[in-house]
Amino acid sequence: MTLGRIVDVLSIVLLVGAAFAFAAGVDALAERRDLVALYWLVVGALTLKAATDVVRPRSSSR
């Protein structure tokens, strides 16, 4: 397995994790558990950001 393939697999795993976190947040919203919903939605957003940053790292020329 090449390094590029490993990075792609890691990004997919993070993307699936983000989808599950968003689903848990929506489920918690349906049950009126606001703090739990907020937690899972933030986890989902941060995991989604991590999935995109793994594939497209920031430029070091800032």
PDB file of N, CA and C in Angstrom:
ATOM      1  N   MET A   1       0.844  -1.188   0.000  1.00  0.00           N
ATOM      2  CA  MET A   1       0.000   0.000   0.000  1.00  0.00           C
ATOM      3  C   MET A   1       0.885   1.246   0.000  1.00  0.00           C
ATOM      4  N   THR A   2       0.583   2.171  -0.874  1.00  0.00           N
ATOM      5  CA  THR A   2       1.369   3.388  -0.934  1.00  0.00           C
ATOM      6  C   THR A   2       0.857   4.392   0.093  1.00  0.00           C
ATOM      7  N   LEU A   3       1.672   5.393   0.355  1.00  0.00           N
ATOM      8  CA  LEU A   3       1.289   6.418   1.320  1.00  0.00           C
ATOM      9  C   LEU A   3       0.041   7.170   0.867  1.00  0.00           C
ATOM     10  N   GLY A   4      -0.071   7.406  -0.417  1.00  0.00           N
ATOM     11  CA  GLY A   4      -1.253   8.095  -0.939  1.00  0.00           C
ATOM     12  C   GLY A   4      -2.526   7.306  -0.707  1.00  0.00           C
ATOM     13  N   ARG A   5      -2.446   5.994  -0.859  1.00  0.00           N
ATOM     14  CA  ARG A   5      -3.610   5.137  -0.629  1.00  0.00           C
ATOM     15  C   ARG A   5      -3.998   5.137   0.843  1.00  0.00           C
ATOM     16  N   ILE A   6      -2.996   5.129   1.731  1.00  0.00           N
ATOM     17  CA  ILE A   6      -3.260   5.163   3.177  1.00  0.00           C
ATOM     18  C   ILE A   6      -3.944   6.470   3.565  1.00  0.00           C
ATOM     19  N   VAL A   7      -3.506   7.577   2.992  1.00  0.00           N
ATOM     20  CA  VAL A   7      -4.115   8.878   3.269  1.00  0.00           C
ATOM     21  C   VAL A   7      -5.555   8.904   2.771  1.00  0.00           C
ATOM     22  N   ASP A   8      -5.788   8.319   1.598  1.00  0.00           N
ATOM     23  CA  ASP A   8      -7.153   8.261   1.073  1.00  0.00           C
ATOM     24  C   ASP A   8      -8.067   7.440   1.976  1.00  0.00           C
ATOM     25  N   VAL A   9      -7.580   6.309   2.467  1.00  0.00           N
ATOM     26  CA  VAL A   9      -8.376   5.464   3.354  1.00  0.00           C
ATOM     27  C   VAL A   9      -8.655   6.198   4.662  1.00  0.00           C
ATOM     28  N   LEU A  10      -7.659   6.884   5.197  1.00  0.00           N
ATOM     29  CA  LEU A  10      -7.851   7.660   6.425  1.00  0.00           C
ATOM     30  C   LEU A  10      -8.903   8.743   6.224  1.00  0.00           C
ATOM     31  N   SER A  11      -8.865   9.404   5.092  1.00  0.00           N
ATOM     32  CA  SER A  11      -9.849  10.447   4.804  1.00  0.00           C
ATOM     33  C   SER A  11     -11.258   9.869   4.704  1.00  0.00           C
ATOM     34  N   ILE A  12     -11.392   8.713   4.091  1.00  0.00           N
ATOM     35  CA  ILE A  12     -12.711   8.081   3.979  1.00  0.00           C
ATOM     36  C   ILE A  12     -13.226   7.671   5.346  1.00  0.00           C
ATOM     37  N   VAL A  13     -12.345   7.125   6.187  1.00  0.00           N
ATOM     38  CA  VAL A  13     -12.750   6.731   7.542  1.00  0.00           C
ATOM     39  C   VAL A  13     -13.208   7.954   8.333  1.00  0.00           C
ATOM     40  N   LEU A  14     -12.486   9.067   8.214  1.00  0.00           N
ATOM     41  CA  LEU A  14     -12.890  10.296   8.897  1.00  0.00           C
ATOM     42  C   LEU A  14     -14.224  10.815   8.355  1.00  0.00           C
ATOM     43  N   LEU A  15     -14.428  10.706   7.058  1.00  0.00           N
ATOM     44  CA  LEU A  15     -15.683  11.151   6.455  1.00  0.00           C
ATOM     45  C   LEU A  15     -16.862  10.325   6.956  1.00  0.00           C
ATOM     46  N   VAL A  16     -16.676   9.014   7.054  1.00  0.00           N
ATOM     47  CA  VAL A  16     -17.737   8.154   7.571  1.00  0.00           C
ATOM     48  C   VAL A  16     -18.001   8.472   9.051  1.00  0.00           C
ATOM     49  N   GLY A  17     -16.934   8.725   9.805  1.00  0.00           N
ATOM     50  CA  GLY A  17     -17.097   9.112  11.208  1.00  0.00           C
ATOM     51  C   GLY A  17     -17.865  10.417  11.350  1.00  0.00           C
ATOM     52  N   ALA A  18     -17.590  11.356  10.464  1.00  0.00           N
ATOM     53  CA  ALA A  18     -18.316  12.626  10.493  1.00  0.00           C
ATOM     54  C   ALA A  18     -19.791  12.419  10.178  1.00  0.00           C
ATOM     55  N   ALA A  19     -20.084  11.532   9.237  1.00  0.00           N
ATOM     56  CA  ALA A  19     -21.487  11.259   8.897  1.00  0.00           C
ATOM     57  C   ALA A  19     -22.223  10.650  10.091  1.00  0.00           C
ATOM     58  N   PHE A  20     -21.567   9.720  10.794  1.00  0.00           N
ATOM     59  CA  PHE A  20     -22.190   9.131  11.980  1.00  0.00           C
ATOM     60  C   PHE A  20     -22.378  10.166  13.088  1.00  0.00           C
ATOM     61  N   ALA A  21     -21.409  11.070  13.245  1.00  0.00           N
ATOM     62  CA  ALA A  21     -21.538  12.106  14.269  1.00  0.00           C
ATOM     63  C   ALA A  21     -22.687  13.055  13.945  1.00  0.00           C
ATOM     64  N   PHE A  22     -22.816  13.439  12.677  1.00  0.00           N
ATOM     65  CA  PHE A  22     -23.942  14.289  12.287  1.00  0.00           C
ATOM     66  C   PHE A  22     -25.269  13.570  12.509  1.00  0.00           C
ATOM     67  N   ALA A  23     -25.313  12.284  12.191  1.00  0.00           N
ATOM     68  CA  ALA A  23     -26.545  11.516  12.402  1.00  0.00           C
ATOM     69  C   ALA A  23     -26.883  11.440  13.889  1.00  0.00           C
ATOM     70  N   ALA A  24     -25.871  11.258  14.731  1.00  0.00           N
ATOM     71  CA  ALA A  24     -26.115  11.228  16.175  1.00  0.00           C
ATOM     72  C   ALA A  24     -26.606  12.593  16.664  1.00  0.00           C
ATOM     73  N   GLY A  25     -26.074  13.668  16.092  1.00  0.00           N
ATOM     74  CA  GLY A  25     -26.529  15.006  16.457  1.00  0.00           C
ATOM     75  C   GLY A  25     -27.965  15.263  16.059  1.00  0.00           C
ATOM     76  N   VAL A  26     -28.341  14.826  14.875  1.00  0.00           N
ATOM     77  CA  VAL A  26     -29.722  15.003  14.422  1.00  0.00           C
ATOM     78  C   VAL A  26     -30.665  14.152  15.273  1.00  0.00           C
ATOM     79  N   ASP A  27     -30.248  12.945  15.614  1.00  0.00           N
ATOM     80  CA  ASP A  27     -31.065  12.082  16.468  1.00  0.00           C
ATOM     81  C   ASP A  27     -31.257  12.716  17.848  1.00  0.00           C
ATOM     82  N   ALA A  28     -30.196  13.302  18.386  1.00  0.00           N
ATOM     83  CA  ALA A  28     -30.301  13.960  19.686  1.00  0.00           C
ATOM     84  C   ALA A  28     -31.207  15.192  19.604  1.00  0.00           C
ATOM     85  N   LEU A  29     -31.175  15.897  18.482  1.00  0.00           N
ATOM     86  CA  LEU A  29     -32.089  17.031  18.302  1.00  0.00           C
ATOM     87  C   LEU A  29     -33.540  16.567  18.289  1.00  0.00           C
ATOM     88  N   ALA A  30     -33.789  15.436  17.664  1.00  0.00           N
ATOM     89  CA  ALA A  30     -35.152  14.911  17.606  1.00  0.00           C
ATOM     90  C   ALA A  30     -35.658  14.533  18.996  1.00  0.00           C
ATOM     91  N   GLU A  31     -34.744  14.146  19.870  1.00  0.00           N
ATOM     92  CA  GLU A  31     -35.125  13.772  21.235  1.00  0.00           C
ATOM     93  C   GLU A  31     -35.030  14.946  22.210  1.00  0.00           C
ATOM     94  N   ARG A  32     -34.810  16.137  21.680  1.00  0.00           N
ATOM     95  CA  ARG A  32     -34.728  17.376  22.478  1.00  0.00           C
ATOM     96  C   ARG A  32     -33.612  17.355  23.516  1.00  0.00           C
ATOM     97  N   ARG A  33     -32.494  16.749  23.160  1.00  0.00           N
ATOM     98  CA  ARG A  33     -31.307  16.772  24.018  1.00  0.00           C
ATOM     99  C   ARG A  33     -30.314  17.745  23.378  1.00  0.00           C
ATOM    100  N   ASP A  34     -30.497  19.009  23.674  1.00  0.00           N
ATOM    101  CA  ASP A  34     -29.777  20.065  22.971  1.00  0.00           C
ATOM    102  C   ASP A  34     -28.266  20.017  23.175  1.00  0.00           C
ATOM    103  N   LEU A  35     -27.816  19.810  24.400  1.00  0.00           N
ATOM    104  CA  LEU A  35     -26.380  19.807  24.664  1.00  0.00           C
ATOM    105  C   LEU A  35     -25.692  18.626  23.991  1.00  0.00           C
ATOM    106  N   VAL A  36     -26.332  17.476  24.028  1.00  0.00           N
ATOM    107  CA  VAL A  36     -25.778  16.297  23.352  1.00  0.00           C
ATOM    108  C   VAL A  36     -25.759  16.526  21.844  1.00  0.00           C
ATOM    109  N   ALA A  37     -26.821  17.117  21.317  1.00  0.00           N
ATOM    110  CA  ALA A  37     -26.885  17.409  19.885  1.00  0.00           C
ATOM    111  C   ALA A  37     -25.783  18.376  19.483  1.00  0.00           C
ATOM    112  N   LEU A  38     -25.583  19.400  20.278  1.00  0.00           N
ATOM    113  CA  LEU A  38     -24.524  20.363  19.978  1.00  0.00           C
ATOM    114  C   LEU A  38     -23.162  19.689  19.979  1.00  0.00           C
ATOM    115  N   TYR A  39     -22.927  18.821  20.960  1.00  0.00           N
ATOM    116  CA  TYR A  39     -21.659  18.102  21.032  1.00  0.00           C
ATOM    117  C   TYR A  39     -21.422  17.284  19.764  1.00  0.00           C
ATOM    118  N   TRP A  40     -22.413  16.473  19.352  1.00  0.00           N
ATOM    119  CA  TRP A  40     -22.218  15.606  18.192  1.00  0.00           C
ATOM    120  C   TRP A  40     -22.111  16.402  16.896  1.00  0.00           C
ATOM    121  N   LEU A  41     -22.824  17.519  16.793  1.00  0.00           N
ATOM    122  CA  LEU A  41     -22.711  18.327  15.587  1.00  0.00           C
ATOM    123  C   LEU A  41     -21.344  18.996  15.484  1.00  0.00           C
ATOM    124  N   VAL A  42     -20.798  19.422  16.620  1.00  0.00           N
ATOM    125  CA  VAL A  42     -19.447  20.004  16.613  1.00  0.00           C
ATOM    126  C   VAL A  42     -18.415  18.927  16.282  1.00  0.00           C
ATOM    127  N   VAL A  43     -18.575  17.739  16.877  1.00  0.00           N
ATOM    128  CA  VAL A  43     -17.663  16.631  16.558  1.00  0.00           C
ATOM    129  C   VAL A  43     -17.729  16.306  15.068  1.00  0.00           C
ATOM    130  N   GLY A  44     -18.921  16.282  14.511  1.00  0.00           N
ATOM    131  CA  GLY A  44     -19.072  16.011  13.086  1.00  0.00           C
ATOM    132  C   GLY A  44     -18.407  17.070  12.225  1.00  0.00           C
ATOM    133  N   ALA A  45     -18.573  18.322  12.591  1.00  0.00           N
ATOM    134  CA  ALA A  45     -17.962  19.408  11.814  1.00  0.00           C
ATOM    135  C   ALA A  45     -16.438  19.347  11.873  1.00  0.00           C
ATOM    136  N   LEU A  46     -15.894  19.102  13.054  1.00  0.00           N
ATOM    137  CA  LEU A  46     -14.439  19.029  13.180  1.00  0.00           C
ATOM    138  C   LEU A  46     -13.861  17.804  12.474  1.00  0.00           C
ATOM    139  N   THR A  47     -14.587  16.697  12.526  1.00  0.00           N
ATOM    140  CA  THR A  47     -14.134  15.493  11.833  1.00  0.00           C
ATOM    141  C   THR A  47     -14.189  15.684  10.326  1.00  0.00           C
ATOM    142  N   LEU A  48     -15.207  16.364   9.837  1.00  0.00           N
ATOM    143  CA  LEU A  48     -15.298  16.660   8.411  1.00  0.00           C
ATOM    144  C   LEU A  48     -14.159  17.575   7.976  1.00  0.00           C
ATOM    145  N   LYS A  49     -13.830  18.552   8.802  1.00  0.00           N
ATOM    146  CA  LYS A  49     -12.696  19.430   8.493  1.00  0.00           C
ATOM    147  C   LYS A  49     -11.399  18.650   8.465  1.00  0.00           C
ATOM    148  N   ALA A  50     -11.228  17.726   9.409  1.00  0.00           N
ATOM    149  CA  ALA A  50     -10.019  16.902   9.438  1.00  0.00           C
ATOM    150  C   ALA A  50      -9.932  16.023   8.194  1.00  0.00           C
ATOM    151  N   ALA A  51     -11.070  15.492   7.744  1.00  0.00           N
ATOM    152  CA  ALA A  51     -11.071  14.642   6.550  1.00  0.00           C
ATOM    153  C   ALA A  51     -10.628  15.422   5.316  1.00  0.00           C
ATOM    154  N   THR A  52     -11.046  16.671   5.214  1.00  0.00           N
ATOM    155  CA  THR A  52     -10.631  17.463   4.056  1.00  0.00           C
ATOM    156  C   THR A  52      -9.198  17.949   4.183  1.00  0.00           C
ATOM    157  N   ASP A  53      -8.745  18.220   5.409  1.00  0.00           N
ATOM    158  CA  ASP A  53      -7.369  18.674   5.604  1.00  0.00           C
ATOM    159  C   ASP A  53      -6.359  17.557   5.358  1.00  0.00           C
ATOM    160  N   VAL A  54      -6.762  16.322   5.581  1.00  0.00           N
ATOM    161  CA  VAL A  54      -5.852  15.203   5.341  1.00  0.00           C
ATOM    162  C   VAL A  54      -5.576  15.086   3.838  1.00  0.00           C
ATOM    163  N   VAL A  55      -6.603  15.258   3.040  1.00  0.00           N
ATOM    164  CA  VAL A  55      -6.439  15.125   1.598  1.00  0.00           C
ATOM    165  C   VAL A  55      -5.815  16.380   0.991  1.00  0.00           C
ATOM    166  N   ARG A  56      -6.168  17.532   1.509  1.00  0.00           N
ATOM    167  CA  ARG A  56      -5.705  18.802   0.947  1.00  0.00           C
ATOM    168  C   ARG A  56      -5.047  19.612   2.062  1.00  0.00           C
ATOM    169  N   PRO A  57      -3.767  19.330   2.377  1.00  0.00           N
ATOM    170  CA  PRO A  57      -3.114  20.066   3.453  1.00  0.00           C
ATOM    171  C   PRO A  57      -2.932  21.554   3.108  1.00  0.00           C
ATOM    172  N   ARG A  58      -2.849  22.341   4.140  1.00  0.00           N
ATOM    173  CA  ARG A  58      -2.680  23.787   3.951  1.00  0.00           C
ATOM    174  C   ARG A  58      -1.313  24.111   3.373  1.00  0.00           C
ATOM    175  N   SER A  59      -1.249  25.181   2.642  1.00  0.00           N
ATOM    176  CA  SER A  59       0.022  25.642   2.086  1.00  0.00           C
ATOM    177  C   SER A  59       0.873  26.246   3.199  1.00  0.00           C
ATOM    178  N   SER A  60       2.153  26.009   3.139  1.00  0.00           N
ATOM    179  CA  SER A  60       3.060  26.532   4.171  1.00  0.00           C
ATOM    180  C   SER A  60       3.540  27.946   3.859  1.00  0.00           C
ATOM    181  N   SER A  61       2.988  28.582   2.830  1.00  0.00           N
ATOM    182  CA  SER A  61       3.449  29.908   2.411  1.00  0.00           C
ATOM    183  C   SER A  61       2.627  31.022   3.038  1.00  0.00           C
ATOM    184  N   ARG A  62       2.036  30.800   4.190  1.00  0.00           N
ATOM    185  CA  ARG A  62       1.211  31.837   4.841  1.00  0.00           C
ATOM    186  C   ARG A  62       2.041  32.826   5.541  1.00  0.00           C
TER     187      ARG A  62
END
